[in-house]
Amino acid sequence: MPTVNIASHLKEMAQHHPDQLAVLFPASRDRSGRTEYSSFTYKKLDEESDFLAAGLDAIGISRGIKTVLMVPPSLEFFSLAFALFKVGAVPVLVDPGIGIKNLGKCLAEAEPEAFIGITKAHVARLLLGWAKKSLKKLVTVGHRFGWGGHSLTQVTDLGSMRQSNSERPDEQWQAADTEIDETAAILFTSGSTGVPKGAVYSHGNFAAQVAALKQAFGIEPGEIDLCTFPLFALYAPALGMTAVIPRMDFTKPATVDPREIAEPIGRFGINNLFGSPALLNRVSRDWKPEIKTEEPSPQASASRSQSWPSLRRVLSAGAPVSPSILERFSKFLATGSQIYTPYGATESLPVAVIGSHEILRETRHLTARGAGTCVGRPVESVEVRIIGITDDTVSEWSDQLCLPQGQIGEIVVHGPMVTQEYYKRHDLTAIAKIRDPITGRMRHRMGDVGYFDNQGRLWFCGRKSHRVVTAERTYFTEPVEGIFNAHPAVFRTALVGVVRAGQTEPVLCVEREPQRSSNEGTQLSDQALIAELRALGSHFELTRSIQMFLFHPSFPVDIRHNSKIFREKLAVWATSIAK
């Protein structure tokens, strides 16, 4: 079987581009308040991860050992991540934002043998008993004190490991010759669309993702990436990029200071930016660029197209990006640059891609008429099919399951980046996967509904579990919300079902556009806005019967991207109001 290791790309970059910066991380501020960065070149990152790989291997964290990595974004995080890949260990990555209860369940399911974390993580592990039955090796990053633990547990701190292994190995550490289907990592989903579950990534999955990203976006070696989701920065060596990490709270992209995004873009000549829809919304609303011109004019002050001339592309994922956000953010970009909104999931990424030029020129107008959200055409290596909607398991694939073009159904994907299972969750694997008898591999049910148009474009119509089924019809969230989101006084809407007198009714939750200043005029009253929304909905058959509108001050959203709407929570809230 072919061998591949995601860490091999780091070694190649270190050999061919040793002095290229691999990662820059904000360390402090100088006297003027300007951010100072610590950094690793590719040669330094390779050496550091070689050194740590030797140390980890020496204490028994080696090939196949499941290892929790709870270290915040930092240079040590990148060194440790690549060290784990190099020894062939299996990093277990869990977003702390999923909550203490879910985090404990995830770690118990993963049954890790090793735990690498900062002091705070070890305190939580000790107090809450995370994976106490399986852990045998503990590595601390930072200050160490008595951790307790059972008799089988070996405790090491990174500083001691450096001292005891201070002599660098004479030869470079050779990355484990892991096979293409060998487990590379366990990545737990955020749980924003269901129970957090561990997607099992193979080294082949990672390699396929890298190839798809290069092909879909035309990423070239030497580009500089501003990454507001640090986990994605681990792809930088494979893509030949320099990763710049901004100063921000990565669990709250919706509250980022726009200056912390704008400053590194201008300072380093950023070519690629990844940001959640919430981050793009915040920056496009609140950043006011300084336009320097000898002869100020209305045209110069209105034009912001040269604000970030180096920025070739922006990627935004995690939830659909509204056309209004795309329009606002596009004004910072040069004419030929685009905002891409790749569609995918933890279990399969990317699946399809569309750019802001096509959205703003064409598909936004169809969205406003109830077509759903266009997510573009499938990437080269992925096969996307639409099957009939069912909540039951589908054990074996057949082309007879597929629906004709234009009909809404469940989205199913097949390709080399598609993960094959959830770790030790056979029940959830059975629901989400369909075995293909020809290839012997699993197709993944995205849990989303959508359809293909006559141009081969995929349209997203929402989560399957969020559809609202009434006695008269089935409502899908994206087509309905797209109509009402077009109203200028609306920031976003969320369709939910409320049961009254034994009957399910569609209810639209509304979050208003914030009024930025008194200069914007008098804000519509709730009653006036409801009247206008009802009038808007009356023009379309699928929204004509929606009569109940509830205003919510701020929708509950996921911790990772601050963009996925927790419609389940809104449904509970709406039910309490409607009754």
Protein backbone atom coordinates (compact mmCIF):
# COMPACT_ATOMS: atom_id res chain seq x y z
CA MET A 1 0.00 0.00 0.00
CA PRO A 2 1.35 3.51 -0.83
CA THR A 3 2.91 5.49 2.01
CA VAL A 4 2.36 9.16 2.74
CA ASN A 5 2.90 11.44 5.73
CA ILE A 6 1.64 15.01 5.94
CA ALA A 7 4.86 16.00 7.75
CA SER A 8 6.97 15.07 4.70
CA HIS A 9 5.98 18.40 3.11
CA LEU A 10 7.70 20.23 5.97
CA LYS A 11 10.96 18.37 5.29
CA GLU A 12 10.75 19.24 1.59
CA MET A 13 10.20 22.92 2.32
CA ALA A 14 13.11 22.92 4.79
CA GLN A 15 15.39 21.43 2.16
CA HIS A 16 14.38 23.62 -0.78
CA HIS A 17 13.36 26.86 0.99
CA PRO A 18 15.15 26.76 4.37
CA ASP A 19 15.05 30.51 4.98
CA GLN A 20 11.41 31.07 4.02
CA LEU A 21 9.32 31.96 7.06
CA ALA A 22 6.99 29.12 7.97
CA VAL A 23 4.92 30.72 10.72
CA LEU A 24 4.74 34.08 12.48
CA PHE A 25 2.96 34.41 15.79
CA PRO A 26 2.16 37.62 17.72
CA ALA A 27 4.42 37.73 20.77
CA SER A 28 4.25 41.24 22.24
CA ARG A 29 3.87 44.91 21.40
CA ASP A 30 6.61 47.48 21.05
CA ARG A 31 6.49 50.91 22.70
CA SER A 32 4.41 52.33 19.87
CA GLY A 33 1.83 49.55 20.24
CA ARG A 34 2.91 47.75 17.06
CA THR A 35 2.71 43.97 17.21
CA GLU A 36 6.02 42.13 17.40
CA TYR A 37 6.08 38.59 16.03
CA SER A 38 8.08 35.51 16.93
CA SER A 39 8.74 33.25 13.98
CA PHE A 40 10.17 30.02 12.64
CA THR A 41 11.73 29.58 9.25
CA TYR A 42 11.01 26.27 7.57
CA LYS A 43 14.46 25.06 8.55
CA LYS A 44 13.90 26.02 12.19
CA LEU A 45 10.40 24.49 12.33
CA ASP A 46 11.74 21.28 10.82
CA GLU A 47 14.62 21.15 13.31
CA GLU A 48 12.37 21.89 16.29
CA SER A 49 9.83 19.26 15.31
CA ASP A 50 12.66 16.76 14.65
CA PHE A 51 13.99 17.44 18.12
CA LEU A 52 10.57 17.04 19.73
CA ALA A 53 9.85 13.93 17.66
CA ALA A 54 13.00 12.32 19.07
CA GLY A 55 11.97 13.30 22.60
CA LEU A 56 8.38 12.05 22.19
CA ASP A 57 9.57 8.77 20.72
CA ALA A 58 12.01 8.34 23.62
CA ILE A 59 9.18 8.47 26.18
CA GLY A 60 6.94 6.13 24.21
CA ILE A 61 4.75 8.54 22.26
CA SER A 62 5.30 6.91 18.91
CA ARG A 63 3.51 5.41 15.94
CA GLY A 64 -0.17 4.76 16.54
CA ILE A 65 -0.29 6.31 20.02
CA LYS A 66 -3.43 8.45 20.33
CA THR A 67 -2.32 11.74 21.86
CA VAL A 68 -4.47 14.64 23.02
CA LEU A 69 -2.91 17.97 22.04
CA MET A 70 -4.23 20.84 24.16
CA VAL A 71 -1.82 23.66 23.48
CA PRO A 72 -3.11 27.06 22.32
CA PRO A 73 -1.89 28.54 19.04
CA SER A 74 1.83 29.21 19.44
CA LEU A 75 5.14 28.22 17.88
CA GLU A 76 5.24 25.23 20.22
CA PHE A 77 1.79 24.12 19.00
CA PHE A 78 3.09 23.91 15.41
CA SER A 79 6.32 22.18 16.47
CA LEU A 80 4.43 19.61 18.54
CA ALA A 81 1.81 18.95 15.87
CA PHE A 82 4.45 18.19 13.25
CA ALA A 83 6.47 16.16 15.75
CA LEU A 84 3.43 13.96 16.36
CA PHE A 85 2.91 13.49 12.63
CA LYS A 86 6.59 12.67 12.18
CA VAL A 87 6.58 9.87 14.76
CA GLY A 88 3.30 8.55 13.34
CA ALA A 89 1.34 9.26 16.52
CA VAL A 90 -2.35 10.11 16.21
CA PRO A 91 -3.17 13.64 17.45
CA VAL A 92 -6.61 13.93 19.04
CA LEU A 93 -7.85 17.45 18.47
CA VAL A 94 -10.92 18.65 20.36
CA ASP A 95 -12.24 22.20 20.25
CA PRO A 96 -12.49 23.34 23.92
CA GLY A 97 -15.43 25.47 22.88
CA ILE A 98 -17.73 22.43 22.67
CA GLY A 99 -18.16 22.65 26.45
CA ILE A 100 -16.72 20.81 29.43
CA LYS A 101 -19.34 18.03 29.41
CA ASN A 102 -18.95 17.23 25.71
CA LEU A 103 -15.19 17.57 25.92
CA GLY A 104 -15.04 14.92 28.63
CA LYS A 105 -17.22 12.58 26.57
CA CYS A 106 -15.07 13.06 23.49
CA LEU A 107 -11.85 12.27 25.34
CA ALA A 108 -13.40 9.23 26.98
CA GLU A 109 -14.46 7.95 23.54
CA ALA A 110 -11.04 8.55 22.00
CA GLU A 111 -9.25 6.57 24.77
CA PRO A 112 -5.96 8.48 24.36
CA GLU A 113 -2.79 7.05 25.85
CA ALA A 114 -0.95 10.38 25.99
CA PHE A 115 -1.85 13.96 26.84
CA ILE A 116 0.20 17.01 25.86
CA GLY A 117 -1.11 20.26 27.28
CA ILE A 118 -0.51 23.55 29.01
CA THR A 119 -0.95 23.91 32.77
CA LYS A 120 -4.59 24.95 32.49
CA ALA A 121 -5.41 21.87 30.43
CA HIS A 122 -3.71 19.55 32.90
CA VAL A 123 -5.54 21.12 35.85
CA ALA A 124 -8.86 20.54 34.05
CA ARG A 125 -7.80 17.00 33.14
CA LEU A 126 -6.95 16.21 36.74
CA LEU A 127 -10.01 17.82 38.32
CA LEU A 128 -12.51 16.48 35.78
CA GLY A 129 -10.94 13.07 35.29
CA TRP A 130 -10.55 13.31 31.53
CA ALA A 131 -9.62 9.93 30.02
CA LYS A 132 -8.18 8.83 33.37
CA LYS A 133 -8.62 5.16 32.52
CA SER A 134 -6.53 5.27 29.36
CA LEU A 135 -3.87 7.96 29.91
CA LYS A 136 -0.38 6.69 30.65
CA LYS A 137 1.92 9.48 29.47
CA LEU A 138 1.58 13.18 30.29
CA VAL A 139 3.64 15.97 28.80
CA THR A 140 3.33 19.49 30.18
CA VAL A 141 4.00 22.64 28.19
CA GLY A 142 4.89 25.44 30.56
CA HIS A 143 5.02 25.39 34.37
CA ARG A 144 4.87 21.95 35.95
CA PHE A 145 3.64 20.98 39.38
CA GLY A 146 2.37 17.78 41.03
CA TRP A 147 -0.28 16.34 38.77
CA GLY A 148 -1.12 13.27 40.77
CA GLY A 149 -2.39 10.56 38.46
CA HIS A 150 -2.34 6.83 38.73
CA SER A 151 0.70 4.65 39.09
CA LEU A 152 0.98 3.84 35.40
CA THR A 153 1.16 7.47 34.36
CA GLN A 154 4.49 8.87 33.24
CA VAL A 155 4.79 12.66 33.64
CA THR A 156 7.24 14.68 31.54
CA ASP A 157 7.45 18.39 30.93
CA LEU A 158 8.65 19.89 27.70
CA GLY A 159 11.46 21.74 29.43
CA SER A 160 12.82 18.54 31.01
CA MET A 161 12.53 16.77 27.69
CA ARG A 162 14.63 19.50 26.12
CA GLN A 163 17.27 19.23 28.88
CA SER A 164 17.54 15.45 28.80
CA ASN A 165 17.67 15.46 25.01
CA SER A 166 19.75 18.62 24.64
CA GLU A 167 22.07 16.97 22.14
CA ARG A 168 20.37 17.32 18.78
CA PRO A 169 20.29 14.09 16.78
CA ASP A 170 23.16 13.88 14.30
CA GLU A 171 20.73 12.88 11.58
CA GLN A 172 17.40 14.38 10.68
CA TRP A 173 14.36 12.61 12.03
CA GLN A 174 12.76 10.54 9.33
CA ALA A 175 8.99 10.79 9.27
CA ALA A 176 7.24 7.47 9.80
CA ASP A 177 6.39 5.72 6.53
CA THR A 178 2.69 5.76 7.33
CA GLU A 179 0.34 4.16 4.83
CA ILE A 180 -2.28 6.06 2.89
CA ASP A 181 -5.18 4.56 4.89
CA GLU A 182 -3.38 4.70 8.24
CA THR A 183 -4.99 6.92 10.88
CA ALA A 184 -3.30 10.34 10.98
CA ALA A 185 -5.55 12.21 13.42
CA ILE A 186 -8.92 12.24 15.12
CA LEU A 187 -10.70 15.56 14.67
CA PHE A 188 -13.81 16.08 16.71
CA THR A 189 -16.58 18.03 15.05
CA SER A 190 -17.75 21.16 16.84
CA GLY A 191 -21.11 19.61 17.68
CA SER A 192 -22.88 22.64 16.21
CA THR A 193 -24.94 20.36 13.98
CA GLY A 194 -25.31 17.42 16.35
CA VAL A 195 -23.35 15.32 18.85
CA PRO A 196 -19.57 16.00 18.73
CA LYS A 197 -17.95 13.00 17.11
CA GLY A 198 -14.42 12.09 16.14
CA ALA A 199 -13.83 12.07 12.39
CA VAL A 200 -10.97 9.66 11.67
CA TYR A 201 -8.52 11.27 9.26
CA SER A 202 -6.09 9.12 7.32
CA HIS A 203 -2.83 10.42 5.88
CA GLY A 204 -4.47 9.93 2.48
CA ASN A 205 -7.34 12.23 3.49
CA PHE A 206 -4.88 15.00 4.35
CA ALA A 207 -2.95 14.51 1.09
CA ALA A 208 -6.18 14.66 -0.94
CA GLN A 209 -7.25 17.85 0.84
CA VAL A 210 -3.95 19.52 0.02
CA ALA A 211 -4.22 18.54 -3.65
CA ALA A 212 -7.83 19.77 -3.83
CA LEU A 213 -7.00 23.12 -2.19
CA LYS A 214 -4.13 23.71 -4.62
CA GLN A 215 -6.28 22.87 -7.61
CA ALA A 216 -9.42 24.72 -6.54
CA PHE A 217 -7.78 28.00 -5.55
CA GLY A 218 -4.57 28.09 -7.57
CA ILE A 219 -2.44 28.50 -4.45
CA GLU A 220 1.23 28.95 -5.34
CA PRO A 221 4.41 28.36 -3.28
CA GLY A 222 5.69 31.51 -1.63
CA GLU A 223 2.28 32.98 -0.83
CA ILE A 224 1.63 34.52 2.58
CA ASP A 225 -1.48 33.41 4.44
CA LEU A 226 -3.28 35.20 7.27
CA CYS A 227 -4.97 32.38 9.12
CA THR A 228 -7.67 33.19 11.66
CA PHE A 229 -8.31 29.47 12.25
CA PRO A 230 -4.84 28.24 13.32
CA LEU A 231 -5.54 24.55 12.66
CA PHE A 232 -5.59 25.38 8.95
CA ALA A 233 -2.06 26.76 9.26
CA LEU A 234 -0.83 23.16 9.54
CA TYR A 235 -1.50 22.91 5.80
CA ALA A 236 0.94 25.74 5.05
CA PRO A 237 4.06 23.58 4.45
CA ALA A 238 2.16 21.34 2.04
CA LEU A 239 0.95 24.43 0.17
CA GLY A 240 4.34 26.19 0.32
CA MET A 241 2.89 29.15 2.20
CA THR A 242 4.00 31.33 5.09
CA ALA A 243 1.35 31.35 7.85
CA VAL A 244 0.81 34.59 9.76
CA ILE A 245 -1.35 34.21 12.88
CA PRO A 246 -3.18 37.40 13.90
CA ARG A 247 -3.68 38.71 17.42
CA MET A 248 -7.26 37.72 18.29
CA ASP A 249 -9.44 35.43 20.40
CA PHE A 250 -9.87 32.49 18.04
CA THR A 251 -13.06 31.39 19.80
CA LYS A 252 -14.68 34.78 19.14
CA PRO A 253 -14.03 35.77 15.53
CA ALA A 254 -17.18 37.93 15.59
CA THR A 255 -15.48 40.31 18.06
CA VAL A 256 -12.10 40.63 16.34
CA ASP A 257 -10.52 44.06 16.29
CA PRO A 258 -10.44 44.92 12.54
CA ARG A 259 -7.05 46.59 13.02
CA GLU A 260 -5.55 43.21 13.97
CA ILE A 261 -6.57 41.92 10.54
CA ALA A 262 -5.77 45.02 8.51
CA GLU A 263 -2.31 45.61 10.05
CA PRO A 264 -0.68 42.28 9.06
CA ILE A 265 -2.31 42.38 5.60
CA GLY A 266 -0.55 45.64 4.83
CA ARG A 267 2.62 44.86 6.75
CA PHE A 268 3.37 41.45 5.26
CA GLY A 269 1.65 41.74 1.90
CA ILE A 270 -0.83 38.98 2.70
CA ASN A 271 -2.00 37.03 -0.38
CA ASN A 272 -4.52 34.67 1.18
CA LEU A 273 -6.94 35.19 4.09
CA PHE A 274 -9.12 32.59 5.76
CA GLY A 275 -11.90 33.99 7.93
CA SER A 276 -15.32 32.90 9.11
CA PRO A 277 -18.40 34.80 7.88
CA ALA A 278 -18.62 36.47 11.30
CA LEU A 279 -15.07 37.77 11.01
CA LEU A 280 -15.64 39.12 7.50
CA ASN A 281 -18.81 40.79 8.73
CA ARG A 282 -17.02 42.46 11.64
CA VAL A 283 -14.08 43.68 9.57
CA SER A 284 -16.18 44.92 6.63
CA ARG A 285 -18.49 46.86 8.97
CA ASP A 286 -15.98 48.42 11.33
CA TRP A 287 -12.63 48.89 9.60
CA LYS A 288 -12.13 52.37 8.17
CA PRO A 289 -9.04 52.42 5.96
CA GLU A 290 -6.93 55.52 5.65
CA ILE A 291 -6.76 56.50 2.00
CA LYS A 292 -3.71 58.59 1.30
CA THR A 293 -4.03 60.93 -1.66
CA GLU A 294 -2.57 64.34 -2.43
CA GLU A 295 -5.83 65.57 -3.90
CA PRO A 296 -8.78 64.27 -1.87
CA SER A 297 -11.90 63.73 -3.92
CA PRO A 298 -15.27 62.00 -3.48
CA GLN A 299 -14.09 59.34 -5.92
CA ALA A 300 -10.88 58.69 -3.97
CA SER A 301 -12.58 58.56 -0.59
CA ALA A 302 -15.33 56.28 -1.90
CA SER A 303 -12.94 53.86 -3.57
CA ARG A 304 -11.35 51.24 -1.33
CA SER A 305 -10.40 48.77 -4.06
CA GLN A 306 -6.69 49.34 -3.47
CA SER A 307 -6.87 49.01 0.33
CA TRP A 308 -5.35 45.51 0.21
CA PRO A 309 -3.84 45.15 -3.27
CA SER A 310 -1.73 42.14 -2.25
CA LEU A 311 -4.77 40.07 -1.22
CA ARG A 312 -5.44 37.63 -4.09
CA ARG A 313 -8.18 35.61 -2.45
CA VAL A 314 -10.27 35.32 0.70
CA LEU A 315 -11.69 31.99 1.85
CA SER A 316 -14.69 31.86 4.16
CA ALA A 317 -16.35 28.73 5.50
CA GLY A 318 -18.34 27.45 8.45
CA ALA A 319 -21.72 28.76 7.27
CA PRO A 320 -23.16 30.47 4.20
CA VAL A 321 -21.84 34.01 3.72
CA SER A 322 -24.54 36.56 3.00
CA PRO A 323 -24.24 38.55 -0.25
CA SER A 324 -24.25 41.79 1.74
CA ILE A 325 -21.10 40.73 3.61
CA LEU A 326 -19.44 39.67 0.35
CA GLU A 327 -20.33 43.01 -1.21
CA ARG A 328 -18.95 45.03 1.71
CA PHE A 329 -15.73 43.06 2.04
CA SER A 330 -15.11 42.99 -1.73
CA LYS A 331 -14.66 46.77 -1.65
CA PHE A 332 -11.32 46.26 0.11
CA LEU A 333 -10.02 44.01 -2.68
CA ALA A 334 -8.44 44.67 -6.05
CA THR A 335 -10.73 44.12 -9.04
CA GLY A 336 -9.48 40.64 -9.92
CA SER A 337 -9.52 39.27 -6.35
CA GLN A 338 -12.41 37.23 -5.02
CA ILE A 339 -13.95 35.87 -1.84
CA TYR A 340 -14.42 32.13 -2.18
CA THR A 341 -16.97 30.26 -0.08
CA PRO A 342 -15.92 26.58 -0.17
CA TYR A 343 -18.61 24.12 0.88
CA GLY A 344 -17.68 21.12 2.97
CA ALA A 345 -17.52 19.71 6.48
CA THR A 346 -15.00 18.28 8.92
CA GLU A 347 -15.73 14.88 7.35
CA SER A 348 -15.08 16.07 3.79
CA LEU A 349 -13.41 19.30 2.74
CA PRO A 350 -13.56 20.87 0.21
CA VAL A 351 -16.63 19.65 -1.71
CA ALA A 352 -17.63 22.58 -3.93
CA VAL A 353 -16.45 26.14 -4.54
CA ILE A 354 -17.93 29.39 -5.81
CA GLY A 355 -16.48 32.89 -5.97
CA SER A 356 -17.98 36.23 -5.01
CA HIS A 357 -18.01 37.50 -8.61
CA GLU A 358 -20.55 34.86 -9.63
CA ILE A 359 -22.56 35.27 -6.42
CA LEU A 360 -22.84 39.05 -6.63
CA ARG A 361 -23.43 39.07 -10.38
CA GLU A 362 -26.00 36.29 -10.54
CA THR A 363 -26.81 33.82 -7.78
CA ARG A 364 -27.65 36.36 -5.05
CA HIS A 365 -30.70 37.39 -7.05
CA LEU A 366 -31.86 33.78 -7.30
CA THR A 367 -31.26 33.34 -3.55
CA ALA A 368 -33.54 36.31 -2.87
CA ARG A 369 -36.26 34.53 -4.85
CA GLY A 370 -36.06 31.31 -2.85
CA ALA A 371 -33.51 29.24 -4.78
CA GLY A 372 -31.32 28.54 -1.73
CA THR A 373 -27.60 29.30 -1.51
CA CYS A 374 -25.40 28.39 -4.46
CA VAL A 375 -22.17 26.75 -3.27
CA GLY A 376 -20.73 26.30 -6.75
CA ARG A 377 -19.39 23.38 -8.71
CA PRO A 378 -17.83 20.27 -7.15
CA VAL A 379 -14.03 20.26 -6.92
CA GLU A 380 -12.19 18.03 -9.35
CA SER A 381 -11.70 14.93 -7.20
CA VAL A 382 -15.14 14.77 -5.57
CA GLU A 383 -18.31 13.13 -6.82
CA VAL A 384 -21.47 14.76 -5.46
CA ARG A 385 -24.88 13.10 -5.77
CA ILE A 386 -28.38 13.92 -4.53
CA ILE A 387 -30.51 11.13 -3.02
CA GLY A 388 -34.02 11.01 -1.58
CA ILE A 389 -34.37 12.44 1.92
CA THR A 390 -34.57 9.86 4.68
CA ASP A 391 -33.59 9.75 8.33
CA ASP A 392 -32.96 6.01 8.10
CA THR A 393 -29.62 4.32 7.49
CA VAL A 394 -28.66 3.45 3.92
CA SER A 395 -26.26 0.53 4.04
CA GLU A 396 -25.22 0.16 0.39
CA TRP A 397 -24.89 2.60 -2.47
CA SER A 398 -26.87 2.31 -5.69
CA ASP A 399 -27.33 4.84 -8.47
CA GLN A 400 -31.03 4.11 -8.16
CA LEU A 401 -31.00 6.23 -4.98
CA CYS A 402 -30.27 9.40 -6.97
CA LEU A 403 -32.81 12.10 -7.72
CA PRO A 404 -33.10 13.99 -11.02
CA GLN A 405 -31.53 17.42 -11.57
CA GLY A 406 -33.46 20.23 -9.90
CA GLN A 407 -35.06 18.12 -7.17
CA ILE A 408 -34.14 18.80 -3.53
CA GLY A 409 -32.62 15.83 -1.73
CA GLU A 410 -29.79 14.81 0.57
CA ILE A 411 -26.23 15.63 -0.49
CA VAL A 412 -23.84 12.64 -0.63
CA VAL A 413 -20.13 12.89 -1.46
CA HIS A 414 -17.46 10.42 -2.53
CA GLY A 415 -13.74 11.04 -2.97
CA PRO A 416 -10.24 10.64 -1.50
CA MET A 417 -10.71 13.40 1.12
CA VAL A 418 -13.88 11.80 2.50
CA THR A 419 -13.32 10.32 5.98
CA GLN A 420 -14.49 6.73 6.35
CA GLU A 421 -15.72 6.53 9.93
CA TYR A 422 -16.25 8.14 13.31
CA TYR A 423 -13.95 6.79 15.97
CA LYS A 424 -15.70 4.03 17.93
CA ARG A 425 -19.14 5.40 17.01
CA HIS A 426 -20.46 2.62 14.83
CA ASP A 427 -24.01 3.89 15.28
CA LEU A 428 -23.19 7.33 13.91
CA THR A 429 -20.98 5.88 11.19
CA ALA A 430 -23.89 3.71 10.04
CA ILE A 431 -26.16 6.76 9.78
CA ALA A 432 -23.64 9.01 8.01
CA LYS A 433 -21.91 6.57 5.66
CA ILE A 434 -23.00 4.49 2.67
CA ARG A 435 -20.73 1.69 1.46
CA ASP A 436 -19.99 1.76 -2.25
CA PRO A 437 -19.88 -1.88 -3.47
CA ILE A 438 -17.70 -0.97 -6.46
CA THR A 439 -14.93 0.94 -4.68
CA GLY A 440 -15.36 -0.67 -1.27
CA ARG A 441 -15.14 2.80 0.28
CA MET A 442 -17.69 4.88 2.12
CA ARG A 443 -19.72 7.71 0.66
CA HIS A 444 -20.53 10.43 3.19
CA ARG A 445 -24.00 11.80 3.81
CA MET A 446 -23.39 15.48 4.47
CA GLY A 447 -26.54 15.85 6.55
CA ASP A 448 -27.46 18.73 4.23
CA VAL A 449 -30.12 19.02 1.55
CA GLY A 450 -29.75 20.63 -1.85
CA TYR A 451 -29.99 20.17 -5.60
CA PHE A 452 -28.13 20.70 -8.88
CA ASP A 453 -29.19 23.31 -11.39
CA ASN A 454 -28.94 22.97 -15.16
CA GLN A 455 -25.43 24.49 -15.12
CA GLY A 456 -24.03 21.79 -12.82
CA ARG A 457 -23.98 24.08 -9.80
CA LEU A 458 -24.83 22.76 -6.35
CA TRP A 459 -27.42 24.68 -4.31
CA PHE A 460 -27.48 24.31 -0.53
CA CYS A 461 -30.95 24.31 1.05
CA GLY A 462 -30.04 23.77 4.71
CA ARG A 463 -29.50 21.01 7.22
CA LYS A 464 -31.69 17.96 6.81
CA SER A 465 -32.48 18.01 10.53
CA HIS A 466 -33.61 21.65 10.31
CA ARG A 467 -36.35 21.11 7.75
CA VAL A 468 -39.82 22.02 9.02
CA VAL A 469 -42.49 19.49 8.09
CA THR A 470 -46.11 20.67 8.35
CA ALA A 471 -49.36 19.10 7.24
CA GLU A 472 -49.22 21.14 4.04
CA ARG A 473 -45.57 21.05 2.96
CA THR A 474 -41.91 20.70 3.88
CA TYR A 475 -39.96 23.92 4.37
CA PHE A 476 -36.20 24.06 3.90
CA THR A 477 -34.31 26.75 5.78
CA GLU A 478 -32.07 28.35 3.13
CA PRO A 479 -34.73 28.95 0.43
CA VAL A 480 -37.11 30.50 2.97
CA GLU A 481 -34.50 32.56 4.80
CA GLY A 482 -32.93 33.79 1.57
CA ILE A 483 -36.14 35.59 0.69
CA PHE A 484 -36.46 37.41 4.01
CA ASN A 485 -32.71 38.06 4.40
CA ALA A 486 -32.95 40.30 1.32
CA HIS A 487 -34.80 42.93 3.37
CA PRO A 488 -32.32 45.73 4.19
CA ALA A 489 -33.44 45.94 7.84
CA VAL A 490 -32.70 42.23 8.42
CA PHE A 491 -29.27 40.91 9.42
CA ARG A 492 -30.30 37.25 9.34
CA THR A 493 -33.30 35.00 9.87
CA ALA A 494 -33.82 31.44 11.06
CA LEU A 495 -36.77 29.23 10.20
CA VAL A 496 -37.94 26.89 12.99
CA GLY A 497 -40.96 24.73 13.65
CA VAL A 498 -43.28 25.32 16.60
CA VAL A 499 -45.91 22.79 17.66
CA ARG A 500 -49.22 24.34 18.74
CA ALA A 501 -52.43 22.41 19.27
CA GLY A 502 -50.74 19.32 17.92
CA GLN A 503 -49.80 20.99 14.63
CA THR A 504 -46.37 22.11 13.45
CA GLU A 505 -46.23 25.73 12.28
CA PRO A 506 -43.36 27.52 10.52
CA VAL A 507 -41.97 30.44 12.52
CA LEU A 508 -39.37 32.91 11.33
CA CYS A 509 -36.92 34.21 13.95
CA VAL A 510 -35.47 37.58 12.95
CA GLU A 511 -32.26 39.31 14.00
CA ARG A 512 -32.31 42.93 12.91
CA GLU A 513 -29.50 44.85 11.25
CA PRO A 514 -27.84 46.92 13.98
CA GLN A 515 -28.30 50.65 13.67
CA ARG A 516 -24.77 52.00 13.54
CA SER A 517 -25.52 55.67 14.19
CA SER A 518 -28.30 58.23 14.50
CA ASN A 519 -27.46 59.41 10.98
CA GLU A 520 -29.07 56.30 9.54
CA GLY A 521 -32.54 57.67 10.19
CA THR A 522 -35.46 56.28 12.14
CA GLN A 523 -35.45 52.52 12.54
CA LEU A 524 -38.57 50.63 11.50
CA SER A 525 -40.72 49.52 14.41
CA ASP A 526 -41.15 45.79 14.93
CA GLN A 527 -44.75 45.98 13.77
CA ALA A 528 -43.82 47.87 10.59
CA LEU A 529 -41.00 45.44 9.78
CA ILE A 530 -43.30 42.44 10.30
CA ALA A 531 -45.80 43.99 7.89
CA GLU A 532 -43.07 44.46 5.28
CA LEU A 533 -41.77 40.92 5.79
CA ARG A 534 -45.26 39.49 5.36
CA ALA A 535 -45.68 41.51 2.18
CA LEU A 536 -42.30 40.28 0.93
CA GLY A 537 -43.18 36.67 1.70
CA SER A 538 -46.54 36.95 -0.03
CA HIS A 539 -44.82 37.20 -3.41
CA PHE A 540 -43.52 33.63 -3.19
CA GLU A 541 -45.47 30.41 -2.91
CA LEU A 542 -43.06 28.80 -0.45
CA THR A 543 -43.22 31.71 2.05
CA ARG A 544 -46.80 32.89 1.63
CA SER A 545 -48.09 30.87 4.58
CA ILE A 546 -45.40 32.07 7.04
CA GLN A 547 -47.19 34.53 9.28
CA MET A 548 -45.40 34.34 12.64
CA PHE A 549 -42.27 36.50 13.07
CA LEU A 550 -40.30 36.69 16.32
CA PHE A 551 -37.46 39.13 16.98
CA HIS A 552 -34.37 37.80 18.73
CA PRO A 553 -31.61 40.16 19.94
CA SER A 554 -28.68 37.91 18.96
CA PHE A 555 -28.92 34.39 17.55
CA PRO A 556 -27.02 31.63 19.40
CA VAL A 557 -24.13 30.51 17.19
CA ASP A 558 -21.27 28.00 17.21
CA ILE A 559 -18.06 28.67 19.14
CA ARG A 560 -15.68 27.88 16.29
CA HIS A 561 -16.91 30.22 13.55
CA ASN A 562 -19.59 32.29 15.36
CA SER A 563 -21.67 31.73 12.23
CA LYS A 564 -23.62 28.47 12.36
CA ILE A 565 -27.02 29.26 13.86
CA PHE A 566 -28.19 26.94 16.65
CA ARG A 567 -31.71 26.55 15.29
CA GLU A 568 -32.46 23.87 17.86
CA LYS A 569 -32.01 26.44 20.63
CA LEU A 570 -34.04 29.00 18.72
CA ALA A 571 -36.84 26.47 18.29
CA VAL A 572 -37.06 26.01 22.05
CA TRP A 573 -37.06 29.78 22.55
CA ALA A 574 -39.68 30.32 19.83
CA THR A 575 -41.91 27.63 21.33
CA SER A 576 -41.82 29.34 24.72
CA ILE A 577 -42.77 32.68 23.11
CA ALA A 578 -45.40 31.35 20.73
CA LYS A 579 -47.28 29.49 23.45
